Amino acid sequence: MPPKQPQLGSLAIQAPSLTPKMVQVSPSTCHDISAFKDLMGQYRKLDDAINMRLNRTTAQFRDRERLGLGGGRGDVEEQACAHVWRELIANWSRRTEIVDYCVGVLDQSAHAKRQALQDAGDDASAQRRARGALYAEEVKRNQVRNELVVEDIVRRRTADAFRSRCRYFEPAPSDADATKWWNSG
């Protein structure tokens, strides 16, 4: 049986996977910078396609209303904006959680490498190996920490695009998490 053809085009970005894959982030994900950056890139697809996502979500809510399945609060545009905003903050929170986790993993690893350097004593060869391992670990940690800067840029760009399309949207004051993200953008 041939493998299933992947979805292509804009639907692939908009539509959720029929078989969602839950990625477990482990220390090995953090140590493999390519895998880490690939994972972050996958999570950023929603941000990259924000205008298309808003268009499609608005169309979906409009179709629901036309079919009498609306039932939401506010007009179609308002409902669509609220829906996309909830998706954005869930995505942003998850990405921040992943970066923070990986920074912690790499900090612990660097600490262990520093300890190995101290334990190397007077053995020049062991010290050289330990210094090399420590340097490599610090480079990885800095690359992961740099993702926080990238995250800030991506979030601001996405928030600007969202606000330009959803001019009258504001999260409910009772939703502390949504309000925190709203005020930080």
N, C-alpha and C. Protein backbone atom coordinates (compact mmCIF):
# COMPACT_ATOMS: atom_id res chain seq x y z
N MET A 1 0.85 -1.18 0.00
CA MET A 1 0.00 0.00 0.00
C MET A 1 0.89 1.23 0.00
N PRO A 2 0.75 2.12 -0.98
CA PRO A 2 1.59 3.32 -1.05
C PRO A 2 1.29 4.26 0.10
N PRO A 3 2.29 5.03 0.53
CA PRO A 3 2.04 5.99 1.61
C PRO A 3 1.02 7.03 1.18
N LYS A 4 0.29 7.54 2.16
CA LYS A 4 -0.74 8.53 1.88
C LYS A 4 -0.10 9.83 1.39
N GLN A 5 -0.67 10.39 0.36
CA GLN A 5 -0.19 11.65 -0.22
C GLN A 5 -0.38 12.76 0.80
N PRO A 6 0.64 13.56 1.08
CA PRO A 6 0.45 14.67 2.01
C PRO A 6 -0.43 15.74 1.40
N GLN A 7 -1.14 16.47 2.26
CA GLN A 7 -1.96 17.58 1.78
C GLN A 7 -1.03 18.68 1.30
N LEU A 8 -1.38 19.25 0.16
CA LEU A 8 -0.57 20.33 -0.38
C LEU A 8 -1.41 21.58 -0.50
N GLY A 9 -0.78 22.72 -0.66
CA GLY A 9 -1.49 23.98 -0.86
C GLY A 9 -1.91 24.60 0.45
N SER A 10 -2.77 25.59 0.33
CA SER A 10 -3.15 26.35 1.52
C SER A 10 -3.98 25.53 2.49
N LEU A 11 -4.70 24.52 2.01
CA LEU A 11 -5.49 23.70 2.91
C LEU A 11 -4.61 22.97 3.91
N ALA A 12 -3.40 22.60 3.50
CA ALA A 12 -2.50 21.89 4.39
C ALA A 12 -2.13 22.73 5.60
N ILE A 13 -2.08 24.04 5.42
CA ILE A 13 -1.74 24.92 6.54
C ILE A 13 -2.97 25.18 7.40
N GLN A 14 -4.13 25.32 6.77
CA GLN A 14 -5.35 25.66 7.49
C GLN A 14 -5.95 24.47 8.21
N ALA A 15 -6.07 23.35 7.51
CA ALA A 15 -6.81 22.22 8.05
C ALA A 15 -5.98 21.46 9.07
N PRO A 16 -6.61 21.07 10.17
CA PRO A 16 -5.88 20.25 11.13
C PRO A 16 -5.65 18.87 10.51
N SER A 17 -4.61 18.25 10.92
CA SER A 17 -4.30 16.92 10.43
C SER A 17 -5.40 15.96 10.86
N LEU A 18 -5.74 15.03 9.98
CA LEU A 18 -6.76 14.04 10.34
C LEU A 18 -6.22 13.07 11.37
N THR A 19 -4.93 12.93 11.41
CA THR A 19 -4.28 12.09 12.41
C THR A 19 -3.27 12.96 13.16
N PRO A 20 -3.76 13.78 14.11
CA PRO A 20 -2.85 14.69 14.79
C PRO A 20 -1.72 13.92 15.49
N LYS A 21 -0.55 14.48 15.42
CA LYS A 21 0.62 13.84 15.99
C LYS A 21 1.07 14.66 17.18
N MET A 22 1.06 14.07 18.34
CA MET A 22 1.51 14.76 19.53
C MET A 22 3.01 14.53 19.67
N VAL A 23 3.76 15.58 19.61
CA VAL A 23 5.20 15.47 19.70
C VAL A 23 5.61 15.61 21.16
N GLN A 24 6.32 14.62 21.62
CA GLN A 24 6.84 14.68 22.98
C GLN A 24 8.24 15.29 22.93
N VAL A 25 8.39 16.41 23.57
CA VAL A 25 9.69 17.07 23.59
C VAL A 25 10.49 16.44 24.72
N SER A 26 11.64 15.94 24.37
CA SER A 26 12.50 15.26 25.34
C SER A 26 13.86 15.96 25.35
N PRO A 27 14.71 15.61 26.29
CA PRO A 27 16.05 16.20 26.27
C PRO A 27 16.77 15.98 24.94
N SER A 28 16.52 14.85 24.28
CA SER A 28 17.20 14.61 23.00
C SER A 28 16.74 15.61 21.95
N THR A 29 15.47 16.05 22.02
CA THR A 29 14.98 17.09 21.09
C THR A 29 15.75 18.37 21.32
N CYS A 30 16.01 18.70 22.56
CA CYS A 30 16.72 19.93 22.89
C CYS A 30 18.18 19.89 22.45
N HIS A 31 18.80 18.71 22.54
CA HIS A 31 20.20 18.57 22.17
C HIS A 31 20.39 18.51 20.66
N ASP A 32 19.36 18.16 19.92
CA ASP A 32 19.43 18.10 18.46
C ASP A 32 18.85 19.42 17.92
N ILE A 33 19.73 20.39 17.66
CA ILE A 33 19.29 21.73 17.27
C ILE A 33 18.45 21.69 16.00
N SER A 34 18.78 20.83 15.05
CA SER A 34 17.99 20.74 13.81
C SER A 34 16.56 20.30 14.12
N ALA A 35 16.40 19.29 14.96
CA ALA A 35 15.07 18.81 15.32
C ALA A 35 14.31 19.89 16.09
N PHE A 36 15.00 20.57 16.99
CA PHE A 36 14.38 21.64 17.77
C PHE A 36 13.88 22.76 16.86
N LYS A 37 14.73 23.21 15.94
CA LYS A 37 14.33 24.30 15.04
C LYS A 37 13.22 23.87 14.09
N ASP A 38 13.25 22.62 13.66
CA ASP A 38 12.18 22.10 12.81
C ASP A 38 10.85 22.09 13.57
N LEU A 39 10.89 21.66 14.82
CA LEU A 39 9.69 21.65 15.66
C LEU A 39 9.14 23.07 15.83
N MET A 40 10.01 24.01 16.10
CA MET A 40 9.58 25.41 16.27
C MET A 40 8.98 25.94 14.96
N GLY A 41 9.58 25.56 13.84
CA GLY A 41 9.06 25.98 12.55
C GLY A 41 7.66 25.44 12.30
N GLN A 42 7.42 24.20 12.71
CA GLN A 42 6.09 23.61 12.55
C GLN A 42 5.08 24.38 13.39
N TYR A 43 5.45 24.74 14.60
CA TYR A 43 4.55 25.49 15.48
C TYR A 43 4.30 26.91 14.96
N ARG A 44 5.22 27.44 14.16
CA ARG A 44 5.07 28.81 13.66
C ARG A 44 4.23 28.91 12.40
N LYS A 45 3.78 27.78 11.87
CA LYS A 45 2.98 27.81 10.65
C LYS A 45 1.70 28.62 10.84
N LEU A 46 1.08 28.53 12.01
CA LEU A 46 -0.13 29.31 12.26
C LEU A 46 0.17 30.80 12.16
N ASP A 47 1.27 31.22 12.73
CA ASP A 47 1.65 32.64 12.67
C ASP A 47 1.95 33.06 11.23
N ASP A 48 2.62 32.19 10.50
CA ASP A 48 3.00 32.53 9.12
C ASP A 48 1.79 32.71 8.22
N ALA A 49 0.70 32.04 8.54
CA ALA A 49 -0.49 32.07 7.68
C ALA A 49 -1.66 32.79 8.36
N ILE A 50 -1.36 33.80 9.17
CA ILE A 50 -2.39 34.44 9.98
C ILE A 50 -3.51 35.05 9.14
N ASN A 51 -3.18 35.75 8.06
CA ASN A 51 -4.24 36.38 7.25
C ASN A 51 -5.13 35.34 6.59
N MET A 52 -4.50 34.30 6.05
CA MET A 52 -5.28 33.23 5.43
C MET A 52 -6.15 32.54 6.49
N ARG A 53 -5.59 32.34 7.66
CA ARG A 53 -6.33 31.68 8.75
C ARG A 53 -7.55 32.52 9.13
N LEU A 54 -7.37 33.82 9.24
CA LEU A 54 -8.50 34.70 9.57
C LEU A 54 -9.56 34.66 8.47
N ASN A 55 -9.13 34.68 7.21
CA ASN A 55 -10.08 34.60 6.10
C ASN A 55 -10.89 33.31 6.16
N ARG A 56 -10.22 32.20 6.33
CA ARG A 56 -10.91 30.91 6.34
C ARG A 56 -11.79 30.73 7.56
N THR A 57 -11.33 31.17 8.69
CA THR A 57 -12.14 31.04 9.90
C THR A 57 -13.38 31.91 9.80
N THR A 58 -13.24 33.11 9.27
CA THR A 58 -14.40 33.99 9.08
C THR A 58 -15.39 33.32 8.12
N ALA A 59 -14.89 32.74 7.04
CA ALA A 59 -15.77 32.05 6.08
C ALA A 59 -16.48 30.88 6.74
N GLN A 60 -15.78 30.14 7.58
CA GLN A 60 -16.40 29.01 8.27
C GLN A 60 -17.52 29.48 9.20
N PHE A 61 -17.28 30.54 9.95
CA PHE A 61 -18.30 31.05 10.86
C PHE A 61 -19.48 31.63 10.07
N ARG A 62 -19.19 32.26 8.93
CA ARG A 62 -20.25 32.78 8.08
C ARG A 62 -21.12 31.63 7.54
N ASP A 63 -20.47 30.54 7.12
CA ASP A 63 -21.21 29.36 6.64
C ASP A 63 -22.07 28.76 7.75
N ARG A 64 -21.54 28.68 8.94
CA ARG A 64 -22.31 28.16 10.07
C ARG A 64 -23.55 29.00 10.32
N GLU A 65 -23.35 30.31 10.27
CA GLU A 65 -24.48 31.20 10.52
C GLU A 65 -25.54 31.06 9.42
N ARG A 66 -25.08 30.96 8.18
CA ARG A 66 -26.00 30.79 7.06
C ARG A 66 -26.82 29.51 7.20
N LEU A 67 -26.20 28.46 7.74
CA LEU A 67 -26.89 27.18 7.92
C LEU A 67 -27.69 27.12 9.22
N GLY A 68 -27.65 28.21 9.99
CA GLY A 68 -28.39 28.25 11.25
C GLY A 68 -27.68 27.52 12.38
N LEU A 69 -26.38 27.27 12.23
CA LEU A 69 -25.61 26.57 13.26
C LEU A 69 -24.76 27.52 14.09
N GLY A 70 -24.94 28.83 13.88
CA GLY A 70 -24.10 29.84 14.52
C GLY A 70 -24.09 29.71 16.03
N GLY A 71 -25.07 30.27 16.65
CA GLY A 71 -25.20 30.17 18.11
C GLY A 71 -24.12 30.85 18.92
N GLY A 72 -23.15 31.47 18.27
CA GLY A 72 -22.08 32.12 19.01
C GLY A 72 -22.48 33.51 19.45
N ARG A 73 -21.65 34.10 20.27
CA ARG A 73 -21.92 35.45 20.74
C ARG A 73 -21.22 36.44 19.82
N GLY A 74 -21.94 37.49 19.45
CA GLY A 74 -21.37 38.52 18.60
C GLY A 74 -21.53 38.19 17.13
N ASP A 75 -21.02 39.10 16.30
CA ASP A 75 -21.14 38.87 14.86
C ASP A 75 -20.09 37.86 14.39
N VAL A 76 -20.18 37.50 13.13
CA VAL A 76 -19.31 36.47 12.56
C VAL A 76 -17.84 36.86 12.69
N GLU A 77 -17.53 38.09 12.35
CA GLU A 77 -16.14 38.56 12.40
C GLU A 77 -15.59 38.47 13.83
N GLU A 78 -16.41 38.87 14.77
CA GLU A 78 -16.01 38.84 16.18
C GLU A 78 -15.75 37.40 16.65
N GLN A 79 -16.62 36.49 16.26
CA GLN A 79 -16.45 35.08 16.64
C GLN A 79 -15.18 34.50 16.02
N ALA A 80 -14.95 34.83 14.75
CA ALA A 80 -13.76 34.33 14.06
C ALA A 80 -12.49 34.86 14.72
N CYS A 81 -12.49 36.13 15.06
CA CYS A 81 -11.31 36.73 15.71
C CYS A 81 -11.06 36.07 17.07
N ALA A 82 -12.11 35.85 17.83
CA ALA A 82 -11.97 35.22 19.15
C ALA A 82 -11.42 33.79 19.00
N HIS A 83 -11.91 33.07 18.00
CA HIS A 83 -11.46 31.70 17.77
C HIS A 83 -9.97 31.67 17.40
N VAL A 84 -9.58 32.52 16.45
CA VAL A 84 -8.17 32.54 16.03
C VAL A 84 -7.28 33.02 17.17
N TRP A 85 -7.74 33.98 17.96
CA TRP A 85 -6.94 34.48 19.09
C TRP A 85 -6.67 33.36 20.08
N ARG A 86 -7.70 32.55 20.38
CA ARG A 86 -7.51 31.41 21.30
C ARG A 86 -6.48 30.43 20.74
N GLU A 87 -6.52 30.18 19.43
CA GLU A 87 -5.53 29.30 18.82
C GLU A 87 -4.12 29.89 18.93
N LEU A 88 -4.02 31.18 18.68
CA LEU A 88 -2.71 31.85 18.74
C LEU A 88 -2.10 31.76 20.13
N ILE A 89 -2.88 32.10 21.16
CA ILE A 89 -2.28 32.12 22.50
C ILE A 89 -1.93 30.71 22.97
N ALA A 90 -2.72 29.72 22.58
CA ALA A 90 -2.38 28.33 22.93
C ALA A 90 -1.06 27.94 22.25
N ASN A 91 -0.91 28.34 21.01
CA ASN A 91 0.30 28.04 20.26
C ASN A 91 1.51 28.78 20.84
N TRP A 92 1.33 30.05 21.14
CA TRP A 92 2.43 30.84 21.72
C TRP A 92 2.85 30.27 23.08
N SER A 93 1.88 29.90 23.88
CA SER A 93 2.18 29.35 25.20
C SER A 93 2.97 28.05 25.07
N ARG A 94 2.55 27.21 24.15
CA ARG A 94 3.24 25.93 23.95
C ARG A 94 4.67 26.16 23.48
N ARG A 95 4.86 27.08 22.55
CA ARG A 95 6.22 27.35 22.06
C ARG A 95 7.11 27.90 23.17
N THR A 96 6.57 28.80 23.96
CA THR A 96 7.34 29.35 25.08
C THR A 96 7.71 28.25 26.07
N GLU A 97 6.77 27.37 26.32
CA GLU A 97 7.01 26.24 27.22
C GLU A 97 8.14 25.35 26.69
N ILE A 98 8.14 25.09 25.38
CA ILE A 98 9.18 24.25 24.77
C ILE A 98 10.54 24.92 24.89
N VAL A 99 10.62 26.20 24.57
CA VAL A 99 11.90 26.91 24.64
C VAL A 99 12.41 26.93 26.08
N ASP A 100 11.54 27.25 27.03
CA ASP A 100 11.95 27.29 28.43
C ASP A 100 12.44 25.92 28.91
N TYR A 101 11.72 24.87 28.50
CA TYR A 101 12.12 23.51 28.87
C TYR A 101 13.52 23.20 28.32
N CYS A 102 13.73 23.50 27.04
CA CYS A 102 15.02 23.19 26.42
C CYS A 102 16.16 24.03 27.01
N VAL A 103 15.89 25.27 27.33
CA VAL A 103 16.92 26.08 27.98
C VAL A 103 17.31 25.43 29.31
N GLY A 104 16.32 24.98 30.06
CA GLY A 104 16.60 24.30 31.33
C GLY A 104 17.40 23.02 31.14
N VAL A 105 17.04 22.23 30.16
CA VAL A 105 17.77 20.99 29.86
C VAL A 105 19.22 21.30 29.52
N LEU A 106 19.43 22.28 28.66
CA LEU A 106 20.79 22.61 28.23
C LEU A 106 21.58 23.30 29.34
N ASP A 107 20.92 24.04 30.22
CA ASP A 107 21.61 24.61 31.38
C ASP A 107 22.12 23.50 32.30
N GLN A 108 21.28 22.49 32.53
CA GLN A 108 21.69 21.35 33.36
C GLN A 108 22.86 20.61 32.72
N SER A 109 22.79 20.42 31.42
CA SER A 109 23.85 19.73 30.70
C SER A 109 25.16 20.52 30.77
N ALA A 110 25.08 21.84 30.61
CA ALA A 110 26.28 22.68 30.70
C ALA A 110 26.87 22.62 32.10
N HIS A 111 25.99 22.59 33.10
CA HIS A 111 26.47 22.48 34.49
C HIS A 111 27.24 21.16 34.67
N ALA A 112 26.71 20.08 34.12
CA ALA A 112 27.38 18.78 34.22
C ALA A 112 28.73 18.82 33.50
N LYS A 113 28.79 19.51 32.38
CA LYS A 113 30.06 19.62 31.63
C LYS A 113 31.07 20.46 32.41
N ARG A 114 30.59 21.51 33.08
CA ARG A 114 31.50 22.31 33.93
C ARG A 114 32.07 21.45 35.05
N GLN A 115 31.21 20.62 35.62
CA GLN A 115 31.65 19.72 36.69
C GLN A 115 32.70 18.75 36.15
N ALA A 116 32.49 18.23 34.94
CA ALA A 116 33.45 17.31 34.33
C ALA A 116 34.79 18.01 34.10
N LEU A 117 34.73 19.30 33.74
CA LEU A 117 35.96 20.07 33.54
C LEU A 117 36.73 20.20 34.86
N GLN A 118 36.00 20.46 35.94
CA GLN A 118 36.65 20.56 37.24
C GLN A 118 37.22 19.20 37.68
N ASP A 119 36.49 18.15 37.34
CA ASP A 119 36.92 16.80 37.74
C ASP A 119 38.10 16.30 36.90
N ALA A 120 38.39 16.97 35.78
CA ALA A 120 39.48 16.54 34.90
C ALA A 120 40.84 16.70 35.56
N GLY A 121 40.91 17.54 36.58
CA GLY A 121 42.17 17.73 37.32
C GLY A 121 43.28 18.25 36.43
N ASP A 122 44.45 17.63 36.54
CA ASP A 122 45.65 18.08 35.81
C ASP A 122 45.82 17.40 34.47
N ASP A 123 44.93 16.50 34.12
CA ASP A 123 45.04 15.77 32.85
C ASP A 123 44.67 16.71 31.70
N ALA A 124 45.67 17.14 30.93
CA ALA A 124 45.47 18.13 29.86
C ALA A 124 44.52 17.60 28.79
N SER A 125 44.63 16.35 28.46
CA SER A 125 43.77 15.76 27.43
C SER A 125 42.31 15.74 27.89
N ALA A 126 42.09 15.35 29.13
CA ALA A 126 40.73 15.32 29.68
C ALA A 126 40.17 16.74 29.78
N GLN A 127 41.02 17.70 30.15
CA GLN A 127 40.57 19.09 30.23
C GLN A 127 40.16 19.61 28.84
N ARG A 128 40.95 19.28 27.83
CA ARG A 128 40.65 19.72 26.47
C ARG A 128 39.30 19.14 26.00
N ARG A 129 39.09 17.86 26.25
CA ARG A 129 37.82 17.23 25.88
C ARG A 129 36.66 17.87 26.63
N ALA A 130 36.86 18.11 27.92
CA ALA A 130 35.79 18.70 28.75
C ALA A 130 35.49 20.13 28.30
N ARG A 131 36.53 20.90 27.97
CA ARG A 131 36.31 22.28 27.49
C ARG A 131 35.55 22.27 26.16
N GLY A 132 35.93 21.36 25.28
CA GLY A 132 35.26 21.24 23.98
C GLY A 132 33.78 20.88 24.15
N ALA A 133 33.52 19.94 25.04
CA ALA A 133 32.13 19.53 25.30
C ALA A 133 31.34 20.67 25.92
N LEU A 134 31.96 21.39 26.85
CA LEU A 134 31.29 22.53 27.48
C LEU A 134 31.00 23.62 26.45
N TYR A 135 31.97 23.91 25.60
CA TYR A 135 31.77 24.93 24.57
C TYR A 135 30.61 24.53 23.64
N ALA A 136 30.59 23.29 23.22
CA ALA A 136 29.52 22.81 22.33
C ALA A 136 28.16 22.94 23.00
N GLU A 137 28.12 22.64 24.28
CA GLU A 137 26.85 22.73 25.02
C GLU A 137 26.39 24.18 25.15
N GLU A 138 27.33 25.08 25.40
CA GLU A 138 26.99 26.50 25.53
C GLU A 138 26.52 27.07 24.19
N VAL A 139 27.09 26.61 23.10
CA VAL A 139 26.66 27.06 21.77
C VAL A 139 25.21 26.63 21.55
N LYS A 140 24.90 25.38 21.87
CA LYS A 140 23.52 24.88 21.73
C LYS A 140 22.56 25.70 22.60
N ARG A 141 22.95 25.93 23.83
CA ARG A 141 22.10 26.69 24.75
C ARG A 141 21.83 28.10 24.21
N ASN A 142 22.87 28.74 23.67
CA ASN A 142 22.70 30.08 23.11
C ASN A 142 21.78 30.05 21.89
N GLN A 143 21.89 29.02 21.07
CA GLN A 143 21.01 28.92 19.90
C GLN A 143 19.55 28.76 20.34
N VAL A 144 19.33 27.96 21.36
CA VAL A 144 17.96 27.79 21.86
C VAL A 144 17.47 29.08 22.49
N ARG A 145 18.31 29.75 23.26
CA ARG A 145 17.91 31.03 23.86
C ARG A 145 17.60 32.08 22.79
N ASN A 146 18.32 32.03 21.68
CA ASN A 146 18.05 32.97 20.58
C ASN A 146 16.65 32.79 20.04
N GLU A 147 16.08 31.62 20.22
CA GLU A 147 14.70 31.37 19.77
C GLU A 147 13.72 32.27 20.53
N LEU A 148 14.07 32.70 21.74
CA LEU A 148 13.21 33.61 22.48
C LEU A 148 13.10 34.95 21.75
N VAL A 149 14.20 35.40 21.16
CA VAL A 149 14.20 36.65 20.39
C VAL A 149 13.35 36.46 19.14
N VAL A 150 13.54 35.33 18.48
CA VAL A 150 12.76 35.02 17.28
C VAL A 150 11.28 34.96 17.65
N GLU A 151 10.96 34.32 18.76
CA GLU A 151 9.57 34.22 19.22
C GLU A 151 8.95 35.60 19.41
N ASP A 152 9.70 36.49 20.02
CA ASP A 152 9.19 37.84 20.25
C ASP A 152 8.88 38.53 18.93
N ILE A 153 9.77 38.40 17.96
CA ILE A 153 9.56 39.02 16.65
C ILE A 153 8.34 38.41 15.96
N VAL A 154 8.25 37.09 15.97
CA VAL A 154 7.13 36.40 15.30
C VAL A 154 5.81 36.78 15.96
N ARG A 155 5.78 36.79 17.29
CA ARG A 155 4.54 37.16 18.00
C ARG A 155 4.12 38.59 17.69
N ARG A 156 5.06 39.51 17.70
CA ARG A 156 4.73 40.91 17.41
C ARG A 156 4.18 41.06 15.99
N ARG A 157 4.83 40.42 15.04
CA ARG A 157 4.38 40.49 13.65
C ARG A 157 2.98 39.90 13.52
N THR A 158 2.75 38.76 14.16
CA THR A 158 1.44 38.12 14.10
C THR A 158 0.39 38.96 14.80
N ALA A 159 0.74 39.50 15.97
CA ALA A 159 -0.21 40.35 16.70
C ALA A 159 -0.57 41.60 15.89
N ASP A 160 0.40 42.18 15.22
CA ASP A 160 0.12 43.35 14.37
C ASP A 160 -0.85 42.99 13.25
N ALA A 161 -0.59 41.85 12.59
CA ALA A 161 -1.49 41.40 11.51
C ALA A 161 -2.88 41.11 12.06
N PHE A 162 -2.93 40.48 13.21
CA PHE A 162 -4.22 40.15 13.84
C PHE A 162 -4.98 41.43 14.17
N ARG A 163 -4.30 42.37 14.80
CA ARG A 163 -4.96 43.63 15.19
C ARG A 163 -5.42 44.44 13.98
N SER A 164 -4.69 44.36 12.89
CA SER A 164 -5.11 45.10 11.70
C SER A 164 -6.39 44.51 11.11
N ARG A 165 -6.58 43.21 11.27
CA ARG A 165 -7.77 42.57 10.74
C ARG A 165 -8.92 42.54 11.75
N CYS A 166 -8.60 42.47 13.01
CA CYS A 166 -9.62 42.37 14.07
C CYS A 166 -9.55 43.63 14.92
N ARG A 167 -9.86 44.76 14.29
CA ARG A 167 -9.68 46.07 14.93
C ARG A 167 -10.48 46.24 16.21
N TYR A 168 -11.65 45.62 16.28
CA TYR A 168 -12.53 45.85 17.42
C TYR A 168 -12.49 44.71 18.43
N PHE A 169 -11.62 43.76 18.20
CA PHE A 169 -11.50 42.63 19.11
C PHE A 169 -10.68 43.01 20.32
N GLU A 170 -11.12 42.55 21.46
CA GLU A 170 -10.34 42.65 22.68
C GLU A 170 -10.70 41.45 23.54
N PRO A 171 -9.71 40.76 24.10
CA PRO A 171 -10.04 39.57 24.89
C PRO A 171 -10.83 39.96 26.14
N ALA A 172 -11.61 39.01 26.61
CA ALA A 172 -12.40 39.26 27.81
C ALA A 172 -11.47 39.52 29.00
N PRO A 173 -11.78 40.54 29.79
CA PRO A 173 -10.92 40.85 30.95
C PRO A 173 -10.82 39.68 31.92
N SER A 174 -11.82 38.81 31.93
CA SER A 174 -11.79 37.66 32.84
C SER A 174 -10.80 36.59 32.40
N ASP A 175 -10.36 36.63 31.15
CA ASP A 175 -9.39 35.67 30.64
C ASP A 175 -7.99 36.24 30.83
N ALA A 176 -7.39 35.93 31.95
CA ALA A 176 -6.10 36.53 32.32
C ALA A 176 -4.99 36.17 31.33
N ASP A 177 -4.97 34.92 30.88
CA ASP A 177 -3.92 34.50 29.95
C ASP A 177 -4.03 35.26 28.63
N ALA A 178 -5.24 35.34 28.09
CA ALA A 178 -5.45 36.05 26.82
C ALA A 178 -5.11 37.53 26.96
N THR A 179 -5.48 38.12 28.08
CA THR A 179 -5.20 39.53 28.33
C THR A 179 -3.70 39.77 28.46
N LYS A 180 -2.99 38.85 29.11
CA LYS A 180 -1.53 38.97 29.25
C LYS A 180 -0.87 39.01 27.88
N TRP A 181 -1.24 38.07 27.01
CA TRP A 181 -0.68 38.03 25.66
C TRP A 181 -1.07 39.27 24.87
N TRP A 182 -2.31 39.72 25.04
CA TRP A 182 -2.81 40.90 24.31
C TRP A 182 -1.99 42.13 24.68
N ASN A 183 -1.74 42.30 25.97
CA ASN A 183 -1.01 43.47 26.44
C ASN A 183 0.48 43.41 26.13
N SER A 184 1.02 42.21 25.92
CA SER A 184 2.45 42.09 25.64
C SER A 184 2.76 42.35 24.17
N GLY A 185 1.73 42.30 23.31
CA GLY A 185 1.96 42.49 21.87
C GLY A 185 1.85 43.89 21.51
